[in-house]
Amino acid sequence: MQDFKQAIAAVPDYAEAQYWLAECYIKKKDWEEAKTQFQALVKTAPDSEFGLKAQNRLNDLKQMK
């Protein structure tokens, strides 16, 4: 997780790192932080491969609640 955070700190719009950081939060069952990370990714790169994946994961999170 720390590597993803460092990558994002160095390159704030690094979509792939944002996506995998959010996935790490899901693995830790930190749903709110995962949601926050996915939302940030969708906002910064909505049409990118990872932006689209993030939108799908947000939909998954909604169904989990």
PDB file of N, CA and C in Angstrom:
ATOM      1  N   MET A   1       0.821  -1.195   0.000  1.00  0.00           N
ATOM      2  CA  MET A   1       0.000   0.000   0.000  1.00  0.00           C
ATOM      3  C   MET A   1       0.861   1.253   0.000  1.00  0.00           C
ATOM      4  N   GLN A   2       1.932   1.202   0.767  1.00  0.00           N
ATOM      5  CA  GLN A   2       2.790   2.378   0.881  1.00  0.00           C
ATOM      6  C   GLN A   2       3.379   2.760  -0.473  1.00  0.00           C
ATOM      7  N   ASP A   3       3.738   1.765  -1.278  1.00  0.00           N
ATOM      8  CA  ASP A   3       4.291   2.055  -2.602  1.00  0.00           C
ATOM      9  C   ASP A   3       3.281   2.797  -3.470  1.00  0.00           C
ATOM     10  N   PHE A   4       2.022   2.392  -3.407  1.00  0.00           N
ATOM     11  CA  PHE A   4       0.989   3.078  -4.186  1.00  0.00           C
ATOM     12  C   PHE A   4       0.812   4.512  -3.695  1.00  0.00           C
ATOM     13  N   LYS A   5       0.824   4.702  -2.388  1.00  0.00           N
ATOM     14  CA  LYS A   5       0.690   6.051  -1.826  1.00  0.00           C
ATOM     15  C   LYS A   5       1.847   6.935  -2.261  1.00  0.00           C
ATOM     16  N   GLN A   6       3.060   6.384  -2.268  1.00  0.00           N
ATOM     17  CA  GLN A   6       4.226   7.156  -2.697  1.00  0.00           C
ATOM     18  C   GLN A   6       4.135   7.505  -4.180  1.00  0.00           C
ATOM     19  N   ALA A   7       3.684   6.559  -4.983  1.00  0.00           N
ATOM     20  CA  ALA A   7       3.539   6.815  -6.419  1.00  0.00           C
ATOM     21  C   ALA A   7       2.528   7.924  -6.670  1.00  0.00           C
ATOM     22  N   ILE A   8       1.424   7.899  -5.933  1.00  0.00           N
ATOM     23  CA  ILE A   8       0.385   8.923  -6.096  1.00  0.00           C
ATOM     24  C   ILE A   8       0.885  10.276  -5.603  1.00  0.00           C
ATOM     25  N   ALA A   9       1.677  10.274  -4.536  1.00  0.00           N
ATOM     26  CA  ALA A   9       2.243  11.532  -4.037  1.00  0.00           C
ATOM     27  C   ALA A   9       3.172  12.148  -5.081  1.00  0.00           C
ATOM     28  N   ALA A  10       3.911  11.308  -5.790  1.00  0.00           N
ATOM     29  CA  ALA A  10       4.835  11.795  -6.814  1.00  0.00           C
ATOM     30  C   ALA A  10       4.108  12.209  -8.091  1.00  0.00           C
ATOM     31  N   VAL A  11       3.071  11.447  -8.449  1.00  0.00           N
ATOM     32  CA  VAL A  11       2.301  11.706  -9.675  1.00  0.00           C
ATOM     33  C   VAL A  11       0.821  11.600  -9.308  1.00  0.00           C
ATOM     34  N   PRO A  12       0.215  12.715  -8.885  1.00  0.00           N
ATOM     35  CA  PRO A  12      -1.160  12.669  -8.357  1.00  0.00           C
ATOM     36  C   PRO A  12      -2.211  12.068  -9.294  1.00  0.00           C
ATOM     37  N   ASP A  13      -2.004  12.128 -10.596  1.00  0.00           N
ATOM     38  CA  ASP A  13      -3.007  11.576 -11.512  1.00  0.00           C
ATOM     39  C   ASP A  13      -2.601  10.201 -12.056  1.00  0.00           C
ATOM     40  N   TYR A  14      -1.819   9.476 -11.302  1.00  0.00           N
ATOM     41  CA  TYR A  14      -1.376   8.124 -11.669  1.00  0.00           C
ATOM     42  C   TYR A  14      -2.540   7.162 -11.435  1.00  0.00           C
ATOM     43  N   ALA A  15      -3.332   6.973 -12.474  1.00  0.00           N
ATOM     44  CA  ALA A  15      -4.596   6.237 -12.365  1.00  0.00           C
ATOM     45  C   ALA A  15      -4.407   4.794 -11.914  1.00  0.00           C
ATOM     46  N   GLU A  16      -3.413   4.125 -12.441  1.00  0.00           N
ATOM     47  CA  GLU A  16      -3.222   2.721 -12.077  1.00  0.00           C
ATOM     48  C   GLU A  16      -2.903   2.578 -10.587  1.00  0.00           C
ATOM     49  N   ALA A  17      -2.061   3.455 -10.070  1.00  0.00           N
ATOM     50  CA  ALA A  17      -1.726   3.401  -8.636  1.00  0.00           C
ATOM     51  C   ALA A  17      -2.950   3.708  -7.785  1.00  0.00           C
ATOM     52  N   GLN A  18      -3.763   4.673  -8.216  1.00  0.00           N
ATOM     53  CA  GLN A  18      -4.985   4.992  -7.472  1.00  0.00           C
ATOM     54  C   GLN A  18      -5.917   3.782  -7.424  1.00  0.00           C
ATOM     55  N   TYR A  19      -6.045   3.113  -8.550  1.00  0.00           N
ATOM     56  CA  TYR A  19      -6.933   1.953  -8.621  1.00  0.00           C
ATOM     57  C   TYR A  19      -6.465   0.856  -7.669  1.00  0.00           C
ATOM     58  N   TRP A  20      -5.188   0.522  -7.732  1.00  0.00           N
ATOM     59  CA  TRP A  20      -4.691  -0.581  -6.906  1.00  0.00           C
ATOM     60  C   TRP A  20      -4.652  -0.227  -5.430  1.00  0.00           C
ATOM     61  N   LEU A  21      -4.474   1.049  -5.112  1.00  0.00           N
ATOM     62  CA  LEU A  21      -4.568   1.466  -3.711  1.00  0.00           C
ATOM     63  C   LEU A  21      -5.986   1.222  -3.202  1.00  0.00           C
ATOM     64  N   ALA A  22      -6.971   1.587  -4.000  1.00  0.00           N
ATOM     65  CA  ALA A  22      -8.367   1.351  -3.613  1.00  0.00           C
ATOM     66  C   ALA A  22      -8.638  -0.141  -3.440  1.00  0.00           C
ATOM     67  N   GLU A  23      -8.083  -0.961  -4.317  1.00  0.00           N
ATOM     68  CA  GLU A  23      -8.253  -2.411  -4.186  1.00  0.00           C
ATOM     69  C   GLU A  23      -7.625  -2.922  -2.882  1.00  0.00           C
ATOM     70  N   CYS A  24      -6.507  -2.330  -2.489  1.00  0.00           N
ATOM     71  CA  CYS A  24      -5.887  -2.703  -1.202  1.00  0.00           C
ATOM     72  C   CYS A  24      -6.836  -2.397  -0.052  1.00  0.00           C
ATOM     73  N   TYR A  25      -7.503  -1.248  -0.122  1.00  0.00           N
ATOM     74  CA  TYR A  25      -8.462  -0.903   0.928  1.00  0.00           C
ATOM     75  C   TYR A  25      -9.629  -1.895   0.960  1.00  0.00           C
ATOM     76  N   ILE A  26     -10.057  -2.358  -0.195  1.00  0.00           N
ATOM     77  CA  ILE A  26     -11.120  -3.363  -0.225  1.00  0.00           C
ATOM     78  C   ILE A  26     -10.638  -4.644   0.455  1.00  0.00           C
ATOM     79  N   LYS A  27      -9.430  -5.028   0.153  1.00  0.00           N
ATOM     80  CA  LYS A  27      -8.885  -6.246   0.765  1.00  0.00           C
ATOM     81  C   LYS A  27      -8.847  -6.123   2.291  1.00  0.00           C
ATOM     82  N   LYS A  28      -8.619  -4.886   2.777  1.00  0.00           N
ATOM     83  CA  LYS A  28      -8.604  -4.642   4.228  1.00  0.00           C
ATOM     84  C   LYS A  28     -10.010  -4.420   4.785  1.00  0.00           C
ATOM     85  N   LYS A  29     -11.011  -4.464   3.910  1.00  0.00           N
ATOM     86  CA  LYS A  29     -12.414  -4.219   4.277  1.00  0.00           C
ATOM     87  C   LYS A  29     -12.647  -2.794   4.777  1.00  0.00           C
ATOM     88  N   ASP A  30     -11.835  -1.872   4.273  1.00  0.00           N
ATOM     89  CA  ASP A  30     -12.005  -0.450   4.573  1.00  0.00           C
ATOM     90  C   ASP A  30     -12.793   0.148   3.408  1.00  0.00           C
ATOM     91  N   TRP A  31     -14.104  -0.124   3.435  1.00  0.00           N
ATOM     92  CA  TRP A  31     -14.975   0.224   2.311  1.00  0.00           C
ATOM     93  C   TRP A  31     -15.004   1.723   2.042  1.00  0.00           C
ATOM     94  N   GLU A  32     -15.039   2.528   3.080  1.00  0.00           N
ATOM     95  CA  GLU A  32     -15.143   3.980   2.893  1.00  0.00           C
ATOM     96  C   GLU A  32     -13.902   4.552   2.220  1.00  0.00           C
ATOM     97  N   GLU A  33     -12.729   4.094   2.639  1.00  0.00           N
ATOM     98  CA  GLU A  33     -11.501   4.596   2.014  1.00  0.00           C
ATOM     99  C   GLU A  33     -11.388   4.099   0.580  1.00  0.00           C
ATOM    100  N   ALA A  34     -11.814   2.870   0.334  1.00  0.00           N
ATOM    101  CA  ALA A  34     -11.830   2.358  -1.039  1.00  0.00           C
ATOM    102  C   ALA A  34     -12.746   3.218  -1.900  1.00  0.00           C
ATOM    103  N   LYS A  35     -13.913   3.519  -1.380  1.00  0.00           N
ATOM    104  CA  LYS A  35     -14.872   4.360  -2.102  1.00  0.00           C
ATOM    105  C   LYS A  35     -14.266   5.727  -2.401  1.00  0.00           C
ATOM    106  N   THR A  36     -13.612   6.310  -1.420  1.00  0.00           N
ATOM    107  CA  THR A  36     -12.979   7.621  -1.601  1.00  0.00           C
ATOM    108  C   THR A  36     -11.935   7.573  -2.710  1.00  0.00           C
ATOM    109  N   GLN A  37     -11.116   6.534  -2.702  1.00  0.00           N
ATOM    110  CA  GLN A  37     -10.069   6.406  -3.723  1.00  0.00           C
ATOM    111  C   GLN A  37     -10.667   6.180  -5.110  1.00  0.00           C
ATOM    112  N   PHE A  38     -11.657   5.318  -5.206  1.00  0.00           N
ATOM    113  CA  PHE A  38     -12.297   5.085  -6.505  1.00  0.00           C
ATOM    114  C   PHE A  38     -12.973   6.354  -7.018  1.00  0.00           C
ATOM    115  N   GLN A  39     -13.641   7.098  -6.144  1.00  0.00           N
ATOM    116  CA  GLN A  39     -14.299   8.337  -6.559  1.00  0.00           C
ATOM    117  C   GLN A  39     -13.281   9.347  -7.065  1.00  0.00           C
ATOM    118  N   ALA A  40     -12.149   9.451  -6.393  1.00  0.00           N
ATOM    119  CA  ALA A  40     -11.101  10.375  -6.833  1.00  0.00           C
ATOM    120  C   ALA A  40     -10.590   9.976  -8.211  1.00  0.00           C
ATOM    121  N   LEU A  41     -10.439   8.698  -8.430  1.00  0.00           N
ATOM    122  CA  LEU A  41      -9.966   8.210  -9.722  1.00  0.00           C
ATOM    123  C   LEU A  41     -10.976   8.495 -10.822  1.00  0.00           C
ATOM    124  N   VAL A  42     -12.237   8.247 -10.557  1.00  0.00           N
ATOM    125  CA  VAL A  42     -13.283   8.520 -11.549  1.00  0.00           C
ATOM    126  C   VAL A  42     -13.318  10.011 -11.884  1.00  0.00           C
ATOM    127  N   LYS A  43     -13.065  10.837 -10.896  1.00  0.00           N
ATOM    128  CA  LYS A  43     -13.076  12.289 -11.120  1.00  0.00           C
ATOM    129  C   LYS A  43     -11.884  12.737 -11.968  1.00  0.00           C
ATOM    130  N   THR A  44     -10.696  12.174 -11.715  1.00  0.00           N
ATOM    131  CA  THR A  44      -9.499  12.634 -12.418  1.00  0.00           C
ATOM    132  C   THR A  44      -9.282  11.960 -13.769  1.00  0.00           C
ATOM    133  N   ALA A  45      -9.766  10.733 -13.933  1.00  0.00           N
ATOM    134  CA  ALA A  45      -9.531  10.012 -15.190  1.00  0.00           C
ATOM    135  C   ALA A  45     -10.754   9.176 -15.563  1.00  0.00           C
ATOM    136  N   PRO A  46     -11.895   9.826 -15.783  1.00  0.00           N
ATOM    137  CA  PRO A  46     -13.151   9.087 -15.972  1.00  0.00           C
ATOM    138  C   PRO A  46     -13.181   8.160 -17.181  1.00  0.00           C
ATOM    139  N   ASP A  47     -12.473   8.510 -18.240  1.00  0.00           N
ATOM    140  CA  ASP A  47     -12.545   7.717 -19.465  1.00  0.00           C
ATOM    141  C   ASP A  47     -11.365   6.770 -19.644  1.00  0.00           C
ATOM    142  N   SER A  48     -10.471   6.762 -18.674  1.00  0.00           N
ATOM    143  CA  SER A  48      -9.322   5.864 -18.765  1.00  0.00           C
ATOM    144  C   SER A  48      -9.746   4.438 -18.420  1.00  0.00           C
ATOM    145  N   GLU A  49      -8.899   3.496 -18.737  1.00  0.00           N
ATOM    146  CA  GLU A  49      -9.176   2.092 -18.401  1.00  0.00           C
ATOM    147  C   GLU A  49      -9.436   1.942 -16.904  1.00  0.00           C
ATOM    148  N   PHE A  50      -8.593   2.579 -16.094  1.00  0.00           N
ATOM    149  CA  PHE A  50      -8.739   2.432 -14.649  1.00  0.00           C
ATOM    150  C   PHE A  50      -9.889   3.269 -14.105  1.00  0.00           C
ATOM    151  N   GLY A  51     -10.210   4.361 -14.762  1.00  0.00           N
ATOM    152  CA  GLY A  51     -11.377   5.139 -14.368  1.00  0.00           C
ATOM    153  C   GLY A  51     -12.662   4.353 -14.567  1.00  0.00           C
ATOM    154  N   LEU A  52     -12.740   3.645 -15.674  1.00  0.00           N
ATOM    155  CA  LEU A  52     -13.919   2.816 -15.951  1.00  0.00           C
ATOM    156  C   LEU A  52     -14.002   1.633 -14.989  1.00  0.00           C
ATOM    157  N   LYS A  53     -12.849   1.033 -14.700  1.00  0.00           N
ATOM    158  CA  LYS A  53     -12.827  -0.063 -13.723  1.00  0.00           C
ATOM    159  C   LYS A  53     -13.253   0.447 -12.349  1.00  0.00           C
ATOM    160  N   ALA A  54     -12.793   1.646 -12.005  1.00  0.00           N
ATOM    161  CA  ALA A  54     -13.146   2.230 -10.707  1.00  0.00           C
ATOM    162  C   ALA A  54     -14.648   2.456 -10.612  1.00  0.00           C
ATOM    163  N   GLN A  55     -15.261   2.914 -11.701  1.00  0.00           N
ATOM    164  CA  GLN A  55     -16.710   3.114 -11.689  1.00  0.00           C
ATOM    165  C   GLN A  55     -17.436   1.793 -11.453  1.00  0.00           C
ATOM    166  N   ASN A  56     -16.959   0.741 -12.087  1.00  0.00           N
ATOM    167  CA  ASN A  56     -17.558  -0.583 -11.868  1.00  0.00           C
ATOM    168  C   ASN A  56     -17.404  -1.026 -10.418  1.00  0.00           C
ATOM    169  N   ARG A  57     -16.249  -0.768  -9.842  1.00  0.00           N
ATOM    170  CA  ARG A  57     -16.011  -1.159  -8.449  1.00  0.00           C
ATOM    171  C   ARG A  57     -16.881  -0.334  -7.499  1.00  0.00           C
ATOM    172  N   LEU A  58     -17.123   0.928  -7.824  1.00  0.00           N
ATOM    173  CA  LEU A  58     -18.039   1.738  -7.010  1.00  0.00           C
ATOM    174  C   LEU A  58     -19.434   1.125  -7.030  1.00  0.00           C
ATOM    175  N   ASN A  59     -19.858   0.673  -8.192  1.00  0.00           N
ATOM    176  CA  ASN A  59     -21.163   0.004  -8.291  1.00  0.00           C
ATOM    177  C   ASN A  59     -21.177  -1.271  -7.453  1.00  0.00           C
ATOM    178  N   ASP A  60     -20.075  -2.014  -7.474  1.00  0.00           N
ATOM    179  CA  ASP A  60     -19.969  -3.217  -6.645  1.00  0.00           C
ATOM    180  C   ASP A  60     -20.094  -2.870  -5.167  1.00  0.00           C
ATOM    181  N   LEU A  61     -19.429  -1.799  -4.750  1.00  0.00           N
ATOM    182  CA  LEU A  61     -19.470  -1.396  -3.337  1.00  0.00           C
ATOM    183  C   LEU A  61     -20.887  -1.023  -2.912  1.00  0.00           C
ATOM    184  N   LYS A  62     -21.631  -0.378  -3.798  1.00  0.00           N
ATOM    185  CA  LYS A  62     -23.014  -0.012  -3.474  1.00  0.00           C
ATOM    186  C   LYS A  62     -23.852  -1.261  -3.213  1.00  0.00           C
ATOM    187  N   GLN A  63     -23.612  -2.300  -3.982  1.00  0.00           N
ATOM    188  CA  GLN A  63     -24.369  -3.540  -3.832  1.00  0.00           C
ATOM    189  C   GLN A  63     -23.975  -4.300  -2.574  1.00  0.00           C
ATOM    190  N   MET A  64     -22.777  -4.064  -2.084  1.00  0.00           N
ATOM    191  CA  MET A  64     -22.294  -4.760  -0.891  1.00  0.00           C
ATOM    192  C   MET A  64     -22.960  -4.246   0.377  1.00  0.00           C
ATOM    193  N   LYS A  65     -23.474  -3.032   0.319  1.00  0.00           N
ATOM    194  CA  LYS A  65     -24.062  -2.427   1.519  1.00  0.00           C
ATOM    195  C   LYS A  65     -25.475  -2.879   1.725  1.00  0.00           C
TER     196      LYS A  65
END
